[in-house]
Amino acid sequence: MKRKIAIAADHAGFEYKEIVKNYLSESFEVQDFGTFSTDSVDYPDFVHPAATSVENGENELGILICGSGNGVQITANKHQQIRCALCWMPEIAQLARQHNDANMISIPARFIAKEVAIEIVNKFLSTDFEGGRHQNRVDKIAFC
């Protein structure tokens, strides 16, 4: 059974979203939450449904893409069970999974090459949470 991955982007991340989605489609079941063109959109309209799908277990992990990566990350992290990390290099994605149990990443399409975006995604999806000393820290993230 293929792992389920959520993906979403705004207009600035649309091209990268399509590249990542096509790249992943052979090995993963990818649920695309949009956007579906380069027409200007409001990113929360796509990020909230993607984050909800990860939060409720419909998708295991999520990938968000916008121009800077900031807007989509901030939006996703409003969800209580989401830990979304802004990743501009593969090592950040690896540490986000290993140490922070990140279940979503955001990618800044305007600042990295397409090949780097794929490397980031690969690292994110192939790295497991280490647990141990990191679990106590992760348990303290949620603030009610």
Protein backbone atom coordinates (compact mmCIF):
# COMPACT_ATOMS: atom_id res chain seq x y z
CA MET A 1 0.00 0.00 0.00
CA LYS A 2 1.38 3.40 -0.98
CA ARG A 3 1.96 6.06 1.65
CA LYS A 4 -0.45 9.00 1.35
CA ILE A 5 0.99 12.48 0.96
CA ALA A 6 -0.88 15.81 0.88
CA ILE A 7 0.42 18.59 -1.36
CA ALA A 8 -0.71 22.18 -1.75
CA ALA A 9 0.65 25.44 -3.11
CA ASP A 10 -0.22 28.99 -3.96
CA HIS A 11 0.26 30.51 -7.41
CA ALA A 12 4.00 31.12 -6.82
CA GLY A 13 4.48 27.46 -5.90
CA PHE A 14 2.21 25.96 -8.57
CA GLU A 15 4.99 24.97 -10.99
CA TYR A 16 7.06 23.30 -8.25
CA LYS A 17 3.94 21.58 -6.88
CA GLU A 18 3.31 20.00 -10.26
CA ILE A 19 6.94 18.86 -10.53
CA VAL A 20 6.95 17.36 -7.02
CA LYS A 21 3.53 15.76 -7.49
CA ASN A 22 4.57 14.12 -10.76
CA TYR A 23 7.84 12.96 -9.22
CA LEU A 24 6.08 11.37 -6.24
CA SER A 25 3.14 9.85 -8.09
CA GLU A 26 4.92 6.58 -8.91
CA SER A 27 5.80 5.76 -5.29
CA PHE A 28 3.15 7.59 -3.25
CA GLU A 29 -0.54 8.33 -3.33
CA VAL A 30 -0.55 12.12 -3.65
CA GLN A 31 -3.64 14.15 -2.79
CA ASP A 32 -3.45 17.54 -4.49
CA PHE A 33 -5.28 20.30 -2.63
CA GLY A 34 -4.46 22.95 -5.24
CA THR A 35 -3.99 25.54 -6.48
CA PHE A 36 -4.37 24.38 -10.05
CA SER A 37 -2.91 27.32 -11.98
CA THR A 38 -0.64 30.34 -11.67
CA ASP A 39 -3.61 32.66 -11.15
CA SER A 40 -3.27 34.67 -7.93
CA VAL A 41 -4.91 32.94 -4.95
CA ASP A 42 -5.09 33.11 -1.16
CA TYR A 43 -2.86 30.29 0.12
CA PRO A 44 -4.89 29.55 3.29
CA ASP A 45 -7.70 28.28 1.05
CA PHE A 46 -5.43 25.37 0.03
CA VAL A 47 -3.22 24.98 3.10
CA HIS A 48 -6.00 24.52 5.65
CA PRO A 49 -7.58 21.53 3.86
CA ALA A 50 -4.15 19.94 3.31
CA ALA A 51 -3.16 20.45 6.97
CA THR A 52 -6.51 19.10 8.14
CA SER A 53 -5.97 15.97 6.07
CA VAL A 54 -2.63 15.36 7.82
CA GLU A 55 -4.06 16.26 11.20
CA ASN A 56 -6.91 13.76 10.87
CA GLY A 57 -4.74 10.96 9.42
CA GLU A 58 -6.17 11.01 5.91
CA ASN A 59 -2.62 11.74 4.71
CA GLU A 60 0.55 10.70 6.54
CA LEU A 61 2.65 13.76 5.66
CA GLY A 62 2.26 17.02 3.76
CA ILE A 63 4.25 19.22 1.40
CA LEU A 64 3.45 22.91 0.98
CA ILE A 65 4.99 25.27 -1.56
CA CYS A 66 4.80 29.03 -1.97
CA GLY A 67 7.13 31.82 -2.98
CA SER A 68 8.93 32.20 0.35
CA GLY A 69 7.57 29.16 2.17
CA ASN A 70 6.59 31.42 5.05
CA GLY A 71 2.89 32.04 4.48
CA VAL A 72 2.02 28.39 3.99
CA GLN A 73 4.12 27.33 6.98
CA ILE A 74 2.54 29.89 9.29
CA THR A 75 -0.93 28.83 8.16
CA ALA A 76 -0.28 25.10 8.59
CA ASN A 77 1.17 25.61 12.05
CA LYS A 78 -2.13 27.12 13.24
CA HIS A 79 -3.36 23.52 13.32
CA GLN A 80 -2.78 21.98 16.74
CA GLN A 81 -1.39 18.66 15.47
CA ILE A 82 0.78 20.08 12.66
CA ARG A 83 4.50 20.64 12.88
CA CYS A 84 5.45 22.29 9.60
CA ALA A 85 9.09 23.18 8.96
CA LEU A 86 10.37 25.69 6.42
CA CYS A 87 13.01 23.80 4.43
CA TRP A 88 15.42 25.39 1.98
CA MET A 89 17.98 22.57 1.96
CA PRO A 90 17.74 18.78 2.39
CA GLU A 91 19.55 18.79 5.73
CA ILE A 92 16.86 21.01 7.24
CA ALA A 93 14.17 18.56 6.11
CA GLN A 94 16.13 15.68 7.61
CA LEU A 95 16.53 17.40 10.98
CA ALA A 96 12.88 18.51 10.95
CA ARG A 97 11.84 14.84 10.74
CA GLN A 98 14.54 13.42 13.04
CA HIS A 99 14.33 15.95 15.85
CA ASN A 100 10.98 17.71 15.51
CA ASP A 101 8.76 14.96 14.10
CA ALA A 102 7.66 17.43 11.41
CA ASN A 103 4.63 16.10 9.58
CA MET A 104 4.61 18.85 6.96
CA ILE A 105 7.26 20.92 5.22
CA SER A 106 7.11 24.17 3.32
CA ILE A 107 9.35 24.88 0.37
CA PRO A 108 10.31 28.39 -0.87
CA ALA A 109 9.93 28.07 -4.66
CA ARG A 110 11.36 31.52 -5.41
CA PHE A 111 14.63 30.80 -3.59
CA ILE A 112 15.71 27.28 -4.48
CA ALA A 113 16.25 25.26 -7.66
CA LYS A 114 13.71 22.62 -8.67
CA GLU A 115 16.33 19.92 -8.17
CA VAL A 116 16.87 21.07 -4.59
CA ALA A 117 13.12 20.95 -3.97
CA ILE A 118 13.12 17.28 -5.02
CA GLU A 119 16.12 16.57 -2.77
CA ILE A 120 14.28 18.22 0.14
CA VAL A 121 11.18 16.13 -0.49
CA ASN A 122 13.25 12.93 -0.73
CA LYS A 123 15.00 13.64 2.55
CA PHE A 124 11.73 14.53 4.28
CA LEU A 125 9.96 11.38 3.13
CA SER A 126 12.87 9.02 3.81
CA THR A 127 13.74 10.19 7.33
CA ASP A 128 12.11 8.88 10.49
CA PHE A 129 11.60 10.61 13.82
CA GLU A 130 14.32 9.56 16.28
CA GLY A 131 12.13 9.84 19.35
CA GLY A 132 14.13 9.45 22.54
CA ARG A 133 15.25 12.77 23.98
CA HIS A 134 13.42 14.60 21.19
CA GLN A 135 10.01 13.16 22.12
CA ASN A 136 9.82 15.15 25.37
CA ARG A 137 10.52 18.36 23.44
CA VAL A 138 7.94 17.59 20.77
CA ASP A 139 5.39 16.84 23.50
CA LYS A 140 5.89 20.39 24.82
CA ILE A 141 5.20 22.15 21.48
CA ALA A 142 1.40 22.21 21.64
CA PHE A 143 0.06 25.16 23.62
CA CYS A 144 -3.57 25.22 24.64
